[in-house]
N, C-alpha and C. Protein backbone atom coordinates (compact mmCIF):
# COMPACT_ATOMS: atom_id res chain seq x y z
N MET A 1 1.11 -1.28 0.15
CA MET A 1 0.06 0.03 -0.35
C MET A 1 0.81 1.04 -0.26
N TRP A 2 0.71 2.35 -0.70
CA TRP A 2 1.38 3.48 -0.90
C TRP A 2 1.27 4.39 0.05
N ARG A 3 2.42 4.83 0.74
CA ARG A 3 2.05 5.61 1.95
C ARG A 3 2.52 6.99 1.61
N ALA A 4 2.04 8.07 2.36
CA ALA A 4 2.39 9.49 2.08
C ALA A 4 4.32 9.55 3.07
N VAL A 5 4.42 10.74 2.91
CA VAL A 5 6.02 10.95 3.45
C VAL A 5 6.01 10.45 4.91
N PRO A 6 7.05 9.77 5.31
CA PRO A 6 7.22 8.81 6.95
C PRO A 6 7.05 9.74 7.78
N ARG A 7 6.83 9.48 8.96
CA ARG A 7 6.33 10.86 9.81
C ARG A 7 7.50 10.58 11.24
N PRO A 8 7.51 11.57 11.48
CA PRO A 8 9.05 11.47 12.48
C PRO A 8 9.26 10.25 13.29
N LEU A 9 10.23 10.07 13.93
CA LEU A 9 10.78 9.18 14.93
C LEU A 9 10.25 9.36 16.21
N ALA A 10 9.66 10.68 16.42
CA ALA A 10 9.12 11.03 17.61
C ALA A 10 7.26 10.41 17.40
N GLN A 11 6.91 10.09 16.44
CA GLN A 11 5.74 9.50 16.71
C GLN A 11 6.06 8.20 16.39
N ARG A 12 4.58 7.35 16.02
CA ARG A 12 4.42 5.93 15.89
C ARG A 12 5.24 5.68 14.46
N VAL A 13 5.56 4.71 14.32
CA VAL A 13 5.93 3.99 13.22
C VAL A 13 4.80 3.89 12.28
N LEU A 14 3.75 3.56 12.83
CA LEU A 14 2.55 3.09 11.78
C LEU A 14 1.39 3.27 12.25
N ASP A 15 0.26 4.53 11.76
CA ASP A 15 -0.57 4.95 12.74
C ASP A 15 -1.47 4.07 12.77
N PRO A 16 -3.03 4.17 13.31
CA PRO A 16 -4.01 3.32 13.70
C PRO A 16 -4.56 2.86 12.15
N ILE A 17 -4.92 3.51 11.05
CA ILE A 17 -5.39 2.85 9.85
C ILE A 17 -4.56 2.57 9.12
N GLU A 18 -3.04 2.53 9.25
CA GLU A 18 -2.00 1.81 8.36
C GLU A 18 -2.03 0.40 8.98
N ARG A 19 -1.57 0.19 11.00
CA ARG A 19 -1.89 -0.99 11.61
C ARG A 19 -3.21 -1.85 11.31
N THR A 20 -4.14 -1.13 11.48
CA THR A 20 -5.56 -2.35 11.13
C THR A 20 -5.76 -2.38 9.23
N SER A 21 -5.37 -1.67 8.71
CA SER A 21 -5.29 -1.89 7.35
C SER A 21 -4.49 -3.21 7.07
N GLU A 22 -3.36 -3.30 7.33
CA GLU A 22 -2.45 -4.94 7.27
C GLU A 22 -2.99 -5.67 7.78
N VAL A 23 -3.67 -5.45 9.29
CA VAL A 23 -4.27 -6.55 10.10
C VAL A 23 -5.67 -7.07 8.96
N LEU A 24 -6.48 -6.30 8.53
CA LEU A 24 -7.53 -6.60 7.74
C LEU A 24 -6.91 -7.36 6.74
N PHE A 25 -5.90 -7.17 5.94
CA PHE A 25 -5.13 -7.40 5.02
C PHE A 25 -5.01 -9.18 4.65
N GLY A 26 -4.62 -9.49 6.11
CA GLY A 26 -4.02 -10.62 6.41
C GLY A 26 -5.04 -11.44 6.98
N VAL A 27 -6.19 -11.01 7.52
CA VAL A 27 -7.16 -11.81 7.78
C VAL A 27 -7.96 -12.33 6.61
N ILE A 28 -8.25 -11.50 5.84
CA ILE A 28 -9.08 -11.46 4.37
C ILE A 28 -8.39 -12.63 3.67
N MET A 29 -7.08 -12.45 3.59
CA MET A 29 -6.19 -13.63 2.73
C MET A 29 -6.11 -14.82 3.32
N ALA A 30 -6.13 -15.18 4.65
CA ALA A 30 -6.71 -16.09 5.22
C ALA A 30 -8.03 -16.62 4.96
N LEU A 31 -8.63 -15.86 4.90
CA LEU A 31 -10.27 -16.17 4.96
C LEU A 31 -10.16 -16.77 3.42
N THR A 32 -9.97 -16.33 2.54
CA THR A 32 -9.96 -16.80 1.20
C THR A 32 -9.18 -18.27 1.25
N PHE A 33 -8.35 -18.71 1.84
CA PHE A 33 -8.10 -20.25 1.96
C PHE A 33 -9.07 -21.01 2.83
N THR A 34 -8.81 -20.43 4.08
CA THR A 34 -9.76 -21.55 4.78
C THR A 34 -11.35 -21.18 4.42
N GLY A 35 -11.84 -20.33 3.65
CA GLY A 35 -13.74 -20.39 2.83
C GLY A 35 -13.57 -21.18 2.00
N SER A 36 -12.20 -22.21 1.09
CA SER A 36 -12.40 -22.74 0.11
C SER A 36 -12.32 -24.04 0.55
N ILE A 37 -12.28 -24.38 1.93
CA ILE A 37 -12.26 -25.68 2.48
C ILE A 37 -13.51 -26.71 2.36
N SER A 38 -13.83 -27.68 1.82
CA SER A 38 -14.93 -28.23 1.95
C SER A 38 -14.66 -29.63 2.89
N VAL A 39 -15.66 -29.06 4.17
CA VAL A 39 -15.83 -29.86 5.36
C VAL A 39 -16.05 -30.88 4.86
N ALA A 40 -16.74 -31.26 4.12
CA ALA A 40 -18.12 -32.77 3.83
C ALA A 40 -16.79 -33.56 2.67
N GLU A 41 -15.87 -33.21 2.37
CA GLU A 41 -14.72 -33.78 1.60
C GLU A 41 -13.49 -33.79 2.00
N ALA A 42 -13.08 -32.80 2.54
CA ALA A 42 -11.52 -32.78 2.96
C ALA A 42 -11.08 -33.37 4.01
N GLY A 43 -9.97 -34.27 3.93
CA GLY A 43 -9.17 -34.98 5.15
C GLY A 43 -8.01 -33.96 5.91
N ARG A 44 -7.42 -34.58 6.91
CA ARG A 44 -6.77 -33.64 7.14
C ARG A 44 -5.45 -33.43 6.60
N GLU A 45 -5.02 -34.02 5.60
CA GLU A 45 -3.96 -33.92 4.52
C GLU A 45 -4.45 -32.90 3.44
N ASP A 46 -5.69 -32.63 3.31
CA ASP A 46 -6.04 -31.41 2.51
C ASP A 46 -5.88 -30.19 3.29
N ILE A 47 -6.45 -30.16 4.55
CA ILE A 47 -6.89 -29.16 4.85
C ILE A 47 -5.54 -28.88 5.48
N ARG A 48 -4.09 -29.60 5.71
CA ARG A 48 -2.70 -29.14 5.91
C ARG A 48 -2.49 -28.50 5.13
N GLU A 49 -2.37 -28.51 3.50
CA GLU A 49 -2.26 -28.29 2.46
C GLU A 49 -2.80 -26.90 2.11
N VAL A 50 -3.88 -26.31 2.60
CA VAL A 50 -4.91 -25.39 2.53
C VAL A 50 -4.04 -23.94 3.54
N LEU A 51 -3.84 -24.75 4.86
CA LEU A 51 -2.89 -24.21 5.99
C LEU A 51 -1.76 -23.53 5.55
N VAL A 52 -0.92 -24.50 4.74
CA VAL A 52 0.18 -24.34 4.44
C VAL A 52 0.32 -23.10 3.37
N GLY A 53 -0.77 -23.41 2.65
CA GLY A 53 -0.94 -22.00 1.30
C GLY A 53 -1.32 -20.70 1.93
N ALA A 54 -2.16 -20.82 3.33
CA ALA A 54 -2.28 -19.61 3.52
C ALA A 54 -1.41 -18.82 4.33
N ILE A 55 -0.23 -19.86 4.90
CA ILE A 55 1.01 -18.73 5.79
C ILE A 55 1.47 -18.90 4.38
N GLY A 56 1.91 -19.32 3.92
CA GLY A 56 2.42 -18.91 2.92
C GLY A 56 2.47 -17.92 1.98
N CYS A 57 1.23 -17.70 1.63
CA CYS A 57 0.72 -16.34 1.00
C CYS A 57 1.04 -15.56 1.67
N ASN A 58 0.40 -15.41 2.70
CA ASN A 58 0.73 -14.18 3.73
C ASN A 58 2.02 -13.70 3.74
N LEU A 59 3.12 -14.81 4.03
CA LEU A 59 4.47 -14.62 3.93
C LEU A 59 4.80 -13.80 3.12
N ALA A 60 4.60 -14.14 1.87
CA ALA A 60 5.09 -13.47 0.79
C ALA A 60 4.50 -12.17 0.47
N TRP A 61 3.16 -12.16 0.85
CA TRP A 61 2.50 -10.62 0.61
C TRP A 61 3.18 -10.06 1.77
N GLY A 62 3.47 -10.03 2.58
CA GLY A 62 3.89 -9.34 3.73
C GLY A 62 5.20 -8.79 3.11
N LEU A 63 6.32 -9.80 2.62
CA LEU A 63 7.57 -9.50 1.94
C LEU A 63 7.22 -8.15 1.01
N VAL A 64 6.06 -8.32 0.17
CA VAL A 64 5.92 -7.69 -1.16
C VAL A 64 5.24 -6.07 -0.11
N ASP A 65 4.26 -6.24 0.30
CA ASP A 65 3.95 -5.07 1.44
C ASP A 65 4.90 -4.21 2.07
N ALA A 66 5.67 -5.19 2.50
CA ALA A 66 7.05 -4.48 3.27
C ALA A 66 7.89 -3.56 1.99
N SER A 67 8.13 -4.19 0.85
CA SER A 67 9.20 -3.70 -0.09
C SER A 67 8.49 -2.33 -0.56
N MET A 68 6.95 -2.21 -0.65
CA MET A 68 6.07 -1.17 -1.14
C MET A 68 6.16 0.09 -0.44
N TYR A 69 5.89 -0.38 1.30
CA TYR A 69 6.07 0.60 2.04
C TYR A 69 7.62 1.52 2.10
N LEU A 70 8.58 0.59 2.23
CA LEU A 70 9.91 1.30 1.74
C LEU A 70 10.00 2.01 0.71
N MET A 71 9.50 1.02 -0.61
CA MET A 71 9.27 2.30 -1.66
C MET A 71 8.84 3.56 -1.35
N ALA A 72 7.37 3.30 -1.09
CA ALA A 72 6.65 4.78 -1.13
C ALA A 72 7.32 5.54 -0.05
N ALA A 73 8.09 5.31 1.19
CA ALA A 73 8.95 6.08 2.15
C ALA A 73 9.89 6.89 1.23
N PHE A 74 10.70 6.14 0.49
CA PHE A 74 11.86 6.80 -0.21
C PHE A 74 11.33 7.64 -1.37
N ILE A 75 10.23 7.29 -2.16
CA ILE A 75 9.60 8.20 -3.44
C ILE A 75 8.60 9.30 -2.44
N GLY A 76 8.60 8.98 -1.33
CA GLY A 76 7.25 10.30 -0.86
C GLY A 76 8.53 11.34 -0.03
N ARG A 77 9.76 11.16 0.02
CA ARG A 77 10.68 11.95 0.65
C ARG A 77 11.41 12.42 -0.63
N ALA A 78 11.64 11.78 -1.57
CA ALA A 78 12.14 12.52 -2.89
C ALA A 78 11.37 13.54 -3.35
N ARG A 79 9.89 13.13 -3.47
CA ARG A 79 9.09 14.04 -3.77
C ARG A 79 8.70 15.32 -3.49
N LEU A 80 8.85 15.27 -1.80
CA LEU A 80 8.86 16.23 -0.98
C LEU A 80 10.09 17.24 -1.20
N LEU A 81 11.24 16.48 -1.22
CA LEU A 81 12.61 17.52 -1.92
C LEU A 81 12.60 18.36 -2.70
N THR A 82 11.77 17.62 -3.85
CA THR A 82 11.74 18.15 -5.23
C THR A 82 10.95 19.49 -5.17
N GLN A 83 9.55 19.38 -4.34
CA GLN A 83 8.85 20.33 -4.29
C GLN A 83 9.42 21.27 -3.37
N LEU A 84 10.11 21.36 -2.19
CA LEU A 84 10.78 22.17 -1.69
C LEU A 84 11.96 22.91 -2.18
N THR A 85 12.33 22.35 -3.10
CA THR A 85 13.52 23.13 -3.84
C THR A 85 12.61 23.83 -4.82
N ALA A 86 11.88 23.73 -5.56
CA ALA A 86 11.03 23.97 -6.73
C ALA A 86 10.54 25.28 -6.09
N ILE A 87 9.92 25.40 -4.65
CA ILE A 87 9.21 26.44 -4.08
C ILE A 87 10.56 27.78 -3.86
N ARG A 88 11.62 27.12 -3.43
CA ARG A 88 12.71 28.21 -3.16
C ARG A 88 13.26 28.87 -4.14
N GLN A 89 13.29 28.04 -5.48
CA GLN A 89 13.41 28.55 -6.53
C GLN A 89 12.61 29.52 -7.55
N ILE A 90 11.60 29.55 -6.77
CA ILE A 90 10.27 30.55 -7.44
C ILE A 90 10.73 32.13 -7.23
N ARG A 91 10.65 32.73 -8.20
CA ARG A 91 11.44 34.37 -7.82
C ARG A 91 10.46 35.03 -7.09
N THR A 92 8.97 35.15 -7.34
CA THR A 92 7.98 35.81 -6.43
C THR A 92 7.57 35.36 -5.41
N PRO A 93 7.38 36.25 -4.45
CA PRO A 93 6.55 35.41 -3.19
C PRO A 93 5.36 34.98 -3.53
N GLU A 94 4.62 35.62 -4.33
CA GLU A 94 3.28 35.52 -4.62
C GLU A 94 3.24 33.89 -5.01
N ALA A 95 4.02 33.87 -6.22
CA ALA A 95 4.08 32.46 -6.51
C ALA A 95 3.88 31.05 -5.80
N ALA A 96 5.35 31.69 -4.90
CA ALA A 96 5.83 30.51 -4.24
C ALA A 96 4.61 30.52 -3.01
N ARG A 97 3.96 31.29 -2.67
CA ARG A 97 2.81 30.74 -1.77
C ARG A 97 1.89 30.12 -2.09
N ALA A 98 1.34 30.09 -3.69
CA ALA A 98 0.44 29.48 -4.12
C ALA A 98 0.73 28.66 -4.47
N GLN A 99 1.62 27.92 -4.92
CA GLN A 99 2.55 26.38 -4.54
C GLN A 99 2.50 25.87 -3.32
N ILE A 100 2.91 26.67 -2.46
CA ILE A 100 2.62 26.12 -0.56
C ILE A 100 1.21 25.81 -0.58
N VAL A 101 0.26 26.47 -0.84
CA VAL A 101 -1.53 26.45 -0.89
C VAL A 101 -1.49 25.09 -1.69
N ASP A 102 -1.04 24.99 -2.76
CA ASP A 102 -1.27 23.18 -3.58
C ASP A 102 -0.88 22.31 -2.57
N LEU A 103 0.36 22.44 -1.99
CA LEU A 103 1.01 21.36 -1.37
C LEU A 103 -0.40 21.05 -0.23
N LEU A 104 -0.74 21.69 0.81
CA LEU A 104 -1.68 21.64 1.88
C LEU A 104 -2.62 21.24 1.62
N PRO A 105 -2.97 19.88 2.38
CA PRO A 105 -4.64 19.05 2.42
C PRO A 105 -5.58 20.41 2.43
N PRO A 106 -6.67 20.06 1.57
CA PRO A 106 -7.75 20.92 1.00
C PRO A 106 -8.31 21.34 2.71
N ALA A 107 -8.71 20.43 3.51
CA ALA A 107 -9.08 20.64 4.84
C ALA A 107 -8.33 22.55 5.41
N LEU A 108 -7.01 21.80 5.58
CA LEU A 108 -5.76 22.84 5.78
C LEU A 108 -5.68 24.14 5.16
N ALA A 109 -5.70 24.12 3.89
CA ALA A 109 -5.74 24.68 3.17
C ALA A 109 -6.56 26.09 3.03
N SER A 110 -7.85 25.43 3.48
CA SER A 110 -8.95 26.50 3.69
C SER A 110 -9.20 27.42 5.22
N VAL A 111 -8.14 26.91 5.85
CA VAL A 111 -8.25 27.77 6.90
C VAL A 111 -6.87 28.29 7.30
N VAL A 112 -6.19 28.74 6.48
CA VAL A 112 -4.87 29.14 6.68
C VAL A 112 -5.16 30.35 6.37
N THR A 113 -4.39 31.51 6.85
CA THR A 113 -4.43 32.70 6.34
C THR A 113 -3.11 33.14 5.51
N PRO A 114 -3.25 34.34 4.60
CA PRO A 114 -2.29 34.52 3.98
C PRO A 114 -0.85 34.86 4.74
N ASP A 115 -1.10 35.19 5.90
CA ASP A 115 0.32 35.70 6.90
C ASP A 115 0.82 34.31 7.36
N ASP A 116 -0.02 33.31 7.47
CA ASP A 116 0.45 31.86 7.60
C ASP A 116 1.10 31.20 6.72
N ILE A 117 0.83 31.47 5.35
CA ILE A 117 1.61 30.86 4.01
C ILE A 117 2.47 31.53 3.93
N GLU A 118 2.72 33.06 4.06
CA GLU A 118 3.81 33.91 3.73
C GLU A 118 5.16 33.24 5.14
N THR A 119 5.06 33.04 6.38
CA THR A 119 5.38 32.25 7.50
C THR A 119 6.04 30.91 6.69
N LEU A 120 4.96 30.35 6.24
CA LEU A 120 5.79 28.79 5.89
C LEU A 120 6.98 29.00 4.67
N ARG A 121 6.34 30.09 3.62
CA ARG A 121 7.25 30.40 2.82
C ARG A 121 9.00 30.80 3.43
N GLN A 122 8.83 31.64 4.26
CA GLN A 122 10.06 31.91 4.49
C GLN A 122 11.03 31.23 5.54
N ARG A 123 10.11 30.39 6.14
CA ARG A 123 10.89 28.96 6.94
C ARG A 123 11.10 28.00 5.63
N VAL A 124 10.40 27.91 4.67
CA VAL A 124 11.33 27.22 3.65
C VAL A 124 12.28 27.75 2.98
N ASN A 125 12.37 28.75 2.91
CA ASN A 125 13.62 29.76 2.30
C ASN A 125 15.00 29.62 3.44
N GLN A 126 14.56 29.39 4.85
CA GLN A 126 15.49 29.69 5.82
C GLN A 126 16.37 28.45 6.46
N GLN A 127 15.26 27.33 6.02
CA GLN A 127 15.81 26.06 6.11
C GLN A 127 16.70 25.38 5.42
N ALA A 128 17.69 24.36 6.07
CA ALA A 128 18.57 23.73 5.23
C ALA A 128 17.73 22.42 4.43
N LEU A 129 17.98 22.43 3.02
CA LEU A 129 17.13 21.28 2.45
C LEU A 129 18.11 19.88 3.02
N PRO A 130 17.61 19.04 3.26
CA PRO A 130 18.61 17.44 2.95
C PRO A 130 19.13 17.35 2.12
N PRO A 131 19.97 16.31 2.68
CA PRO A 131 21.24 16.23 1.25
C PRO A 131 20.32 15.85 0.21
N ALA A 132 20.72 15.77 -1.29
CA ALA A 132 20.08 15.27 -2.47
C ALA A 132 20.26 13.69 -2.52
N GLY A 133 21.32 12.83 -1.59
CA GLY A 133 21.37 11.41 -1.61
C GLY A 133 20.36 11.09 -0.47
N LEU A 134 19.49 10.63 -0.68
CA LEU A 134 18.48 10.25 -0.05
C LEU A 134 18.59 9.23 0.11
N ILE A 135 18.36 8.80 1.75
CA ILE A 135 18.67 7.31 1.87
C ILE A 135 17.35 7.13 3.24
N LEU A 136 17.21 5.52 3.09
CA LEU A 136 16.24 4.97 4.02
C LEU A 136 16.43 5.14 5.61
N THR A 137 15.53 5.43 6.21
CA THR A 137 16.13 5.68 7.50
C THR A 137 15.62 4.23 8.74
N ARG A 138 16.26 4.30 9.89
CA ARG A 138 15.59 3.12 10.79
C ARG A 138 14.29 3.19 11.10
N THR A 139 13.54 4.36 11.00
CA THR A 139 12.05 4.36 11.12
C THR A 139 11.62 3.65 10.19
N ASP A 140 12.07 4.02 8.81
CA ASP A 140 11.31 3.35 7.19
C ASP A 140 11.13 2.16 7.69
N PHE A 141 12.57 1.68 8.14
CA PHE A 141 12.80 -0.20 8.08
C PHE A 141 11.43 -0.91 9.40
N LEU A 142 11.66 0.14 10.31
CA LEU A 142 10.94 -0.36 11.37
C LEU A 142 9.61 -0.40 10.72
N GLY A 143 8.79 0.71 10.22
CA GLY A 143 7.43 0.36 9.55
C GLY A 143 7.59 -0.45 8.95
N ALA A 144 8.79 -1.17 7.93
CA ALA A 144 8.42 -2.19 6.96
C ALA A 144 8.14 -3.48 7.87
N ILE A 145 8.98 -3.49 8.61
CA ILE A 145 9.16 -4.57 9.46
C ILE A 145 7.96 -4.84 10.09
N GLY A 146 7.16 -3.80 10.44
CA GLY A 146 6.19 -4.05 11.43
C GLY A 146 4.56 -4.29 10.20
N VAL A 147 4.87 -3.82 9.06
CA VAL A 147 4.14 -4.09 7.99
C VAL A 147 3.93 -5.94 7.64
N PHE A 148 5.38 -5.96 7.87
CA PHE A 148 5.43 -7.30 7.39
C PHE A 148 5.04 -8.52 8.55
N LEU A 149 5.27 -8.29 9.93
CA LEU A 149 4.43 -8.77 10.92
C LEU A 149 3.01 -8.87 11.03
N LEU A 150 2.39 -7.78 10.87
CA LEU A 150 0.87 -7.54 10.55
C LEU A 150 0.53 -8.29 9.84
N VAL A 151 0.60 -8.15 8.60
CA VAL A 151 0.18 -9.07 7.59
C VAL A 151 0.25 -10.51 7.70
N CYS A 152 1.55 -10.81 8.54
CA CYS A 152 1.63 -12.59 8.82
C CYS A 152 1.01 -13.29 9.77
N LEU A 153 1.13 -12.31 11.40
CA LEU A 153 0.66 -13.03 12.30
C LEU A 153 -0.85 -12.88 12.33
N SER A 154 -1.63 -12.06 11.55
CA SER A 154 -2.42 -11.73 11.48
C SER A 154 -3.25 -12.95 10.74
N THR A 155 -2.60 -13.94 10.50
CA THR A 155 -2.88 -15.10 9.79
C THR A 155 -3.27 -16.23 10.65
N PHE A 156 -2.66 -16.20 11.97
CA PHE A 156 -2.53 -17.36 12.74
C PHE A 156 -3.91 -17.42 13.72
N PRO A 157 -4.55 -16.25 14.02
CA PRO A 157 -5.47 -16.86 14.75
C PRO A 157 -7.08 -17.31 13.87
N VAL A 158 -6.96 -17.06 12.46
CA VAL A 158 -7.54 -17.90 11.64
C VAL A 158 -7.59 -19.30 11.38
N VAL A 159 -5.97 -19.60 11.34
CA VAL A 159 -5.85 -20.99 10.63
C VAL A 159 -5.57 -21.81 12.29
N VAL A 160 -5.21 -21.22 13.33
CA VAL A 160 -4.87 -22.01 14.56
C VAL A 160 -6.12 -23.14 14.91
N PRO A 161 -7.46 -22.93 15.07
CA PRO A 161 -8.34 -23.84 15.22
C PRO A 161 -8.18 -25.12 14.12
N PHE A 162 -7.64 -24.93 13.06
CA PHE A 162 -7.22 -26.48 12.88
C PHE A 162 -6.60 -27.04 12.64
N ILE A 163 -5.44 -26.39 13.27
CA ILE A 163 -4.16 -26.99 14.02
C ILE A 163 -4.96 -27.84 15.43
N LEU A 164 -5.66 -27.14 16.43
CA LEU A 164 -6.20 -27.73 17.61
C LEU A 164 -7.53 -28.44 17.42
N VAL A 165 -8.30 -28.28 16.72
CA VAL A 165 -9.53 -29.23 16.79
C VAL A 165 -8.93 -29.95 15.71
N HIS A 166 -9.07 -31.65 15.52
CA HIS A 166 -9.24 -32.46 14.56
C HIS A 166 -10.07 -32.26 13.84
N GLU A 167 -11.29 -32.15 14.31
CA GLU A 167 -13.01 -32.66 13.29
C GLU A 167 -12.65 -31.36 12.34
N PRO A 168 -12.58 -31.34 11.24
CA PRO A 168 -12.86 -29.97 10.09
C PRO A 168 -13.93 -29.01 10.41
N ARG A 169 -15.04 -29.53 10.80
CA ARG A 169 -16.12 -28.71 10.58
C ARG A 169 -16.23 -28.24 12.11
N PRO A 170 -16.28 -28.56 13.08
CA PRO A 170 -16.07 -27.54 14.31
C PRO A 170 -14.90 -26.74 14.29
N ALA A 171 -13.87 -27.11 13.39
CA ALA A 171 -12.94 -26.18 13.35
C ALA A 171 -12.71 -25.03 12.20
N LEU A 172 -13.87 -25.40 11.42
CA LEU A 172 -14.08 -24.45 10.69
C LEU A 172 -15.12 -23.29 11.15
N ARG A 173 -15.66 -23.49 11.73
CA ARG A 173 -16.84 -22.67 12.26
C ARG A 173 -16.12 -22.08 13.52
N LEU A 174 -15.42 -22.36 13.96
CA LEU A 174 -14.34 -21.54 15.21
C LEU A 174 -13.34 -20.86 14.37
N SER A 175 -12.83 -21.03 13.35
CA SER A 175 -12.08 -20.34 12.37
C SER A 175 -13.15 -19.16 12.02
N ASN A 176 -14.12 -19.53 11.17
CA ASN A 176 -14.90 -18.22 11.02
C ASN A 176 -15.05 -17.27 12.30
N ALA A 177 -15.33 -18.07 13.04
CA ALA A 177 -15.99 -16.93 14.57
C ALA A 177 -15.20 -16.39 15.04
N VAL A 178 -13.63 -16.58 15.02
CA VAL A 178 -12.35 -16.18 15.20
C VAL A 178 -12.47 -14.42 14.35
N ALA A 179 -12.67 -15.30 12.92
CA ALA A 179 -12.35 -14.22 11.90
C ALA A 179 -13.45 -13.07 11.82
N VAL A 180 -14.36 -13.23 12.14
CA VAL A 180 -15.41 -12.48 12.27
C VAL A 180 -15.40 -11.56 13.41
N VAL A 181 -14.93 -11.96 14.52
CA VAL A 181 -14.77 -11.46 15.91
C VAL A 181 -13.47 -10.36 15.32
N MET A 182 -12.21 -10.65 14.97
CA MET A 182 -11.24 -10.09 14.13
C MET A 182 -11.91 -8.87 13.52
N LEU A 183 -12.55 -9.08 12.39
CA LEU A 183 -13.36 -8.01 11.82
C LEU A 183 -13.93 -6.95 12.13
N PHE A 184 -14.56 -7.70 13.06
CA PHE A 184 -15.39 -6.46 13.91
C PHE A 184 -14.43 -5.69 14.94
N MET A 185 -13.66 -6.11 15.61
CA MET A 185 -12.58 -5.27 15.93
C MET A 185 -11.67 -4.56 15.62
N LEU A 186 -11.67 -4.43 14.09
CA LEU A 186 -10.35 -3.81 13.28
C LEU A 186 -11.85 -2.54 12.78
N GLY A 187 -12.79 -3.15 12.23
CA GLY A 187 -13.97 -1.96 11.80
C GLY A 187 -14.24 -1.15 13.39
N SER A 188 -14.50 -1.72 14.64
CA SER A 188 -14.49 -0.67 15.73
C SER A 188 -13.54 0.29 16.14
N VAL A 189 -12.10 -0.10 15.61
CA VAL A 189 -10.95 0.82 15.84
C VAL A 189 -11.10 1.74 14.87
N LEU A 190 -11.31 1.72 13.71
CA LEU A 190 -11.42 2.48 12.40
C LEU A 190 -12.40 3.16 12.82
N GLY A 191 -13.49 3.03 13.25
CA GLY A 191 -14.46 3.50 13.57
C GLY A 191 -14.51 4.53 14.83
N ARG A 192 -13.83 4.05 15.79
CA ARG A 192 -13.44 5.55 16.77
C ARG A 192 -12.73 6.27 16.89
N HIS A 193 -11.48 5.56 15.65
CA HIS A 193 -10.20 6.41 15.09
C HIS A 193 -11.11 7.56 14.39
N ALA A 194 -12.09 7.35 13.46
CA ALA A 194 -12.60 8.37 12.59
C ALA A 194 -13.93 9.19 13.42
N GLY A 195 -13.67 9.07 14.71
CA GLY A 195 -15.23 9.44 15.36
C GLY A 195 -16.55 9.24 15.23
N ARG A 196 -16.24 7.70 15.18
CA ARG A 196 -17.91 7.19 14.60
C ARG A 196 -18.36 6.16 15.69
N SER A 197 -19.40 5.70 15.64
CA SER A 197 -19.44 4.35 16.56
C SER A 197 -18.79 3.19 15.96
N GLY A 198 -17.76 2.55 17.06
CA GLY A 198 -17.64 1.26 16.83
C GLY A 198 -18.12 0.39 16.74
N TRP A 199 -19.52 0.15 17.44
CA TRP A 199 -20.36 -0.65 16.77
C TRP A 199 -20.75 -0.85 15.41
N GLN A 200 -21.04 0.38 14.49
CA GLN A 200 -21.64 0.30 13.70
C GLN A 200 -20.50 0.17 12.63
N ALA A 201 -19.14 0.72 13.21
CA ALA A 201 -17.93 0.58 11.95
C ALA A 201 -17.64 -0.95 11.79
N GLY A 202 -17.86 -1.60 13.13
CA GLY A 202 -17.65 -3.23 13.48
C GLY A 202 -18.43 -4.00 12.41
N LEU A 203 -19.88 -3.51 12.60
CA LEU A 203 -20.60 -4.53 11.72
C LEU A 203 -20.63 -4.61 10.49
N CYS A 204 -19.61 -2.49 9.78
CA CYS A 204 -19.77 -2.55 8.56
C CYS A 204 -18.73 -3.26 7.89
N MET A 205 -17.51 -3.56 8.85
CA MET A 205 -16.48 -4.24 8.09
C MET A 205 -16.49 -5.28 8.30
N VAL A 206 -17.26 -5.98 9.33
CA VAL A 206 -17.65 -7.37 9.02
C VAL A 206 -18.56 -7.70 7.80
N THR A 207 -19.30 -6.96 7.38
CA THR A 207 -19.97 -7.35 6.19
C THR A 207 -19.12 -6.83 4.74
N VAL A 208 -18.34 -6.05 4.87
CA VAL A 208 -17.66 -5.74 3.77
C VAL A 208 -16.61 -6.82 3.57
N GLY A 209 -15.81 -7.28 4.66
CA GLY A 209 -14.57 -8.10 5.06
C GLY A 209 -15.10 -9.42 3.96
N LEU A 210 -16.65 -10.29 4.78
CA LEU A 210 -16.87 -10.92 4.13
C LEU A 210 -17.83 -11.02 2.50
N VAL A 211 -17.85 -9.89 2.18
CA VAL A 211 -18.04 -9.83 0.69
C VAL A 211 -16.95 -10.13 -0.13
N LEU A 212 -15.49 -9.09 0.44
CA LEU A 212 -14.66 -9.48 -0.29
C LEU A 212 -14.12 -10.64 -0.32
N VAL A 213 -14.34 -11.36 0.70
CA VAL A 213 -13.66 -12.76 0.91
C VAL A 213 -14.78 -13.80 -0.30
N ALA A 214 -15.68 -13.44 -0.27
CA ALA A 214 -16.41 -14.05 -1.48
C ALA A 214 -16.57 -14.12 -2.70
N ILE A 215 -16.05 -12.66 -3.04
CA ILE A 215 -15.66 -12.17 -3.84
C ILE A 215 -14.45 -12.96 -4.51
N THR A 216 -13.35 -12.60 -3.67
CA THR A 216 -12.06 -13.39 -4.04
C THR A 216 -12.31 -15.04 -4.30
N ILE A 217 -12.61 -15.60 -3.67
CA ILE A 217 -12.95 -17.37 -3.51
C ILE A 217 -13.78 -17.14 -5.09
N ALA A 218 -14.80 -16.79 -5.13
CA ALA A 218 -15.46 -16.90 -6.41
C ALA A 218 -14.58 -16.46 -7.66
N LEU A 219 -13.81 -15.55 -7.67
CA LEU A 219 -12.72 -15.00 -9.07
C LEU A 219 -11.67 -16.01 -8.59
N GLY A 220 -11.46 -16.62 -8.03
CA GLY A 220 -10.16 -17.98 -8.04
C GLY A 220 -9.17 -17.72 -7.17
N GLY A 221 -9.43 -16.38 -6.68
CA GLY A 221 -8.14 -16.06 -5.55
C GLY A 221 -8.00 -16.87 -4.57
């Protein structure tokens, strides 16, 4: 998943939306495998193959997502440096202020005053820019490790019932129940983060998650 410019070390490496999204991705990936199990026909060997596939798939996608995180961190920082350099090279203050406004989020740009923009312009001109040879930082790698672990570890609560329960049918029911609870909790976290009802957001996430799983299975995913 592509992300904006990495946040400073003083802040959390991954924000609540990033953490929840990675766990959600892992749960949905695991459900596409467990949802393909036919309890009427599957034996222990068949279930073992499905579980190995689910864990292996999430390991692979955890690596891919972590790599995308690092790529996004580098590109985002390089893009910001390019934009700041362009602002400093603009000759007229009016054009520089207009460029700064374009970089601000719409909600913030609508409330800042011309004096605020001028202050920002002056600070951009006064501050030393980072070196042109940008490198990935410790925070970037911590974020990538966090992404990898969240995607991978979110698989295990869904597959553990198949390891602990010998009979396929109750194991599948328990696995599905765990997945539903996880989807509800993830939705509730996102809802509260957005200032909404946790219960409503949780129920919505369960519905959306199960629909996505059904579509993925139907498309052969």
